[in-house]
Structures are given as C-alpha cells and as structure tokens.
C-alpha cells in the first residue's frame, strides 16, 4: 500500500513538473480590430427647424420616452431629439430639407403601436410653454370661475399669462 502511495505521489509530481512552464514572458496574441469613421449626416449649411409635440400613450420614462427619443435622434437629418416623459413633450431639431413633421409623426407611431402624436407645431426655440401655462393655471387660476380666471390672468405677472392676455 505504501508503494502504491509513493508511485502516485511521484506520478502527480511528474505531471506537475512536466505541465508547469518555466517561461516568464506572457503569450502575446494580436487581434485585429476594425475602426470605422462615423460620418456625420448633418449638413452644416442646412436650415434647421424645431418641432414640439405631445406624445400620448407613453407609460414609462425608460421604456417609452427614451426609446422614442433614440428613434427620433437616429433619423437621417435629425440634429437633436429630447422626449420629456413627465410633460409628454418631444422637442426635435431637424434639417427641414430632409425631414418633415409627417416623418417625425410616423417614426413615433412605428416605435410602438400605442403612441400617438398630438399638437405638432414648429417653434423658433424650445420653451415649455405648455408646462408654463399649466403652472399659471395651477398657481393663480385654480378653482375659479371663468370670469375670475380672466381677471387672474390679467393681474398675473408670469410671462405665460402675459402672452395670453
């Protein structure tokens, strides 16, 4: 039994010595990688328009709003796209020679069957006028009759109320 144990120990040691490498330099492998230059599809001489619209049917910020934002941003001719889930508002800057509001609406609808575009409008700059108007209604015109609301808007110092008056 002792002899079998000694033979087994010698065999294991022989395997370890035989399999262990004495080289100190690591093995180098070269891997080729391809790099492709990303061409900007934006024309610096183009005329860019800005559109704001509400999106109905969104149920979450990451799954819905961010997905729509990415789809809009990837469109050829779109310079920037931002979707605000809380306000249900999309703001897109695009090359008006390559993209139009119909294409923007179709892209939103193709992103998911439940999304619909409302209140599409072109704007000079992105301002959350809808949110401002809601703030005005919440702050100074809440729980009032129509006559009181009109008087409230006239006395309100907020810019959104001043635009309506």
Protein backbone atom coordinates (compact mmCIF):
# COMPACT_ATOMS: atom_id res chain seq x y z
CA UNK A 1 0.00 0.00 0.00
CA UNK A 2 2.88 2.31 0.84
CA UNK A 3 4.46 1.60 -2.50
CA UNK A 4 1.26 2.50 -4.37
CA UNK A 5 1.07 5.75 -2.46
CA UNK A 6 4.69 6.60 -3.35
CA UNK A 7 4.13 5.81 -7.03
CA UNK A 8 1.03 8.00 -7.06
CA UNK A 9 2.88 10.92 -5.43
CA UNK A 10 5.79 10.59 -7.90
CA UNK A 11 3.33 10.48 -10.83
CA UNK A 12 1.49 13.60 -9.65
CA UNK A 13 4.75 15.47 -9.14
CA UNK A 14 6.00 14.40 -12.56
CA UNK A 15 2.79 15.68 -14.15
CA UNK A 16 3.09 18.98 -12.32
CA UNK A 17 6.71 19.47 -13.34
CA UNK A 18 6.00 18.47 -16.91
CA UNK A 19 2.93 20.75 -17.24
CA UNK A 20 4.33 23.80 -15.48
CA UNK A 21 6.03 26.24 -17.79
CA UNK A 22 9.16 27.96 -16.76
CA UNK A 23 8.73 30.80 -19.24
CA UNK A 24 8.35 34.21 -17.64
CA UNK A 25 7.13 36.06 -20.73
CA UNK A 26 3.40 36.13 -21.29
CA UNK A 27 1.97 34.82 -24.50
CA UNK A 28 1.07 37.67 -26.85
CA UNK A 29 -1.84 37.47 -29.21
CA UNK A 30 -2.58 40.10 -31.80
CA UNK A 31 -6.19 40.80 -32.53
CA UNK A 32 -7.17 42.94 -35.46
CA UNK A 33 -9.92 45.45 -34.85
CA UNK A 34 -11.80 47.41 -37.41
CA UNK A 35 -12.45 51.06 -36.84
CA UNK A 36 -14.90 52.85 -38.99
CA UNK A 37 -15.16 56.57 -39.11
CA UNK A 38 -18.63 57.77 -38.27
CA UNK A 39 -19.77 60.21 -40.90
CA UNK A 40 -21.94 62.99 -39.71
CA UNK A 41 -25.13 63.04 -41.71
CA UNK A 42 -25.76 66.64 -40.69
CA UNK A 43 -25.19 69.36 -43.22
CA UNK A 44 -23.58 72.43 -41.60
CA UNK A 45 -25.19 74.66 -44.25
CA UNK A 46 -28.68 73.25 -43.79
CA UNK A 47 -31.64 75.13 -42.41
CA UNK A 48 -32.77 73.53 -39.20
CA UNK A 49 -36.33 73.71 -37.94
CA UNK A 50 -37.60 72.90 -34.47
CA UNK A 51 -40.76 70.99 -33.70
CA UNK A 52 -42.55 70.40 -30.43
CA UNK A 53 -45.34 67.90 -30.00
CA UNK A 54 -47.00 65.86 -27.32
CA UNK A 55 -46.88 62.08 -27.34
CA UNK A 56 -49.83 60.16 -25.95
CA UNK A 57 -49.61 56.52 -24.87
CA UNK A 58 -46.29 56.56 -23.01
CA UNK A 59 -46.37 54.58 -19.77
CA UNK A 60 -42.78 54.84 -18.54
CA UNK A 61 -39.71 57.03 -18.86
CA UNK A 62 -37.07 54.50 -19.82
CA UNK A 63 -39.03 52.01 -21.91
CA UNK A 64 -41.20 54.51 -23.75
CA UNK A 65 -39.75 58.02 -23.67
CA UNK A 66 -36.10 57.03 -24.10
CA UNK A 67 -36.93 54.55 -26.86
CA UNK A 68 -38.85 57.20 -28.81
CA UNK A 69 -36.05 59.72 -28.18
CA UNK A 70 -33.44 57.31 -29.56
CA UNK A 71 -35.54 56.51 -32.65
CA UNK A 72 -36.04 60.18 -33.41
CA UNK A 73 -32.36 61.01 -32.83
CA UNK A 74 -31.23 58.24 -35.22
CA UNK A 75 -33.28 59.60 -38.12
CA UNK A 76 -31.29 60.96 -41.06
CA UNK A 77 -31.32 64.74 -40.84
CA UNK A 78 -32.27 64.99 -37.16
CA UNK A 79 -29.83 67.14 -35.21
CA UNK A 80 -31.26 66.56 -31.74
CA UNK A 81 -34.25 64.96 -30.07
CA UNK A 82 -35.46 65.14 -26.48
CA UNK A 83 -38.56 63.46 -25.04
CA UNK A 84 -39.79 64.58 -21.62
CA UNK A 85 -41.93 61.82 -20.12
CA UNK A 86 -43.37 63.99 -17.34
CA UNK A 87 -44.71 66.61 -19.75
CA UNK A 88 -45.32 64.10 -22.58
CA UNK A 89 -43.43 66.58 -24.75
CA UNK A 90 -41.00 65.87 -27.59
CA UNK A 91 -38.61 68.52 -28.91
CA UNK A 92 -36.82 67.76 -32.19
CA UNK A 93 -34.40 69.86 -34.22
CA UNK A 94 -34.16 68.67 -37.81
CA UNK A 95 -32.97 69.56 -41.32
CA UNK A 96 -36.18 70.78 -42.96
CA UNK A 97 -34.93 69.75 -46.41
CA UNK A 98 -34.62 66.09 -45.36
CA UNK A 99 -37.20 65.66 -42.59
CA UNK A 100 -40.72 66.96 -42.09
CA UNK A 101 -43.26 66.77 -39.32
CA UNK A 102 -45.07 63.88 -41.03
CA UNK A 103 -41.91 61.77 -40.92
CA UNK A 104 -41.44 62.61 -37.26
CA UNK A 105 -45.01 61.54 -36.51
CA UNK A 106 -44.62 58.30 -38.49
CA UNK A 107 -41.41 57.46 -36.61
CA UNK A 108 -43.15 57.89 -33.26
CA UNK A 109 -46.07 55.70 -34.36
CA UNK A 110 -43.73 52.99 -35.73
CA UNK A 111 -41.82 52.90 -32.44
CA UNK A 112 -44.83 51.42 -30.69
CA UNK A 113 -48.41 50.81 -31.66
CA UNK A 114 -49.81 52.69 -28.69
CA UNK A 115 -48.09 56.04 -29.28
CA UNK A 116 -49.83 58.94 -30.97
CA UNK A 117 -48.71 62.48 -31.73
CA UNK A 118 -50.84 65.47 -30.75
CA UNK A 119 -50.37 69.22 -31.06
CA UNK A 120 -47.49 69.16 -33.59
CA UNK A 121 -46.08 72.66 -34.04
CA UNK A 122 -42.91 74.24 -35.33
CA UNK A 123 -41.26 76.70 -32.97
CA UNK A 124 -38.41 79.21 -33.01
CA UNK A 125 -36.93 77.94 -29.75
CA UNK A 126 -37.69 75.16 -27.31
CA UNK A 127 -39.69 76.54 -24.45
CA UNK A 128 -42.02 74.50 -22.36
CA UNK A 129 -44.99 76.80 -22.96
CA UNK A 130 -47.43 74.03 -22.14
CA UNK A 131 -45.84 73.48 -18.75
CA UNK A 132 -45.78 77.23 -18.09
CA UNK A 133 -49.46 77.52 -18.94
CA UNK A 134 -50.21 74.61 -16.62
CA UNK A 135 -48.22 76.34 -13.86
CA UNK A 136 -50.20 79.54 -14.39
CA UNK A 137 -53.46 77.63 -14.18
CA UNK A 138 -52.31 75.80 -11.07
CA UNK A 139 -50.91 78.85 -9.30
CA UNK A 140 -53.32 81.68 -9.96
CA UNK A 141 -56.39 80.26 -11.67
CA UNK A 142 -57.10 77.09 -9.74
CA UNK A 143 -60.69 76.52 -8.56
CA UNK A 144 -62.03 79.78 -10.03
CA UNK A 145 -64.85 80.64 -12.40
CA UNK A 146 -64.13 81.73 -15.99
CA UNK A 147 -64.55 85.42 -15.07
CA UNK A 148 -62.20 85.04 -12.12
CA UNK A 149 -59.69 83.22 -14.33
CA UNK A 150 -59.71 86.08 -16.86
CA UNK A 151 -59.15 88.61 -14.06
CA UNK A 152 -56.42 86.39 -12.64
CA UNK A 153 -54.64 86.22 -15.99
CA UNK A 154 -54.74 89.97 -16.34
CA UNK A 155 -53.16 90.52 -12.93
CA UNK A 156 -50.71 87.61 -13.17
CA UNK A 157 -47.07 88.66 -13.58
CA UNK A 158 -45.93 85.41 -15.18
CA UNK A 159 -44.83 85.57 -18.81
CA UNK A 160 -47.16 82.77 -19.86
CA UNK A 161 -50.20 84.64 -18.61
CA UNK A 162 -48.99 87.86 -20.22
CA UNK A 163 -48.84 86.09 -23.62
CA UNK A 164 -52.48 85.04 -23.35
CA UNK A 165 -53.84 88.39 -22.22
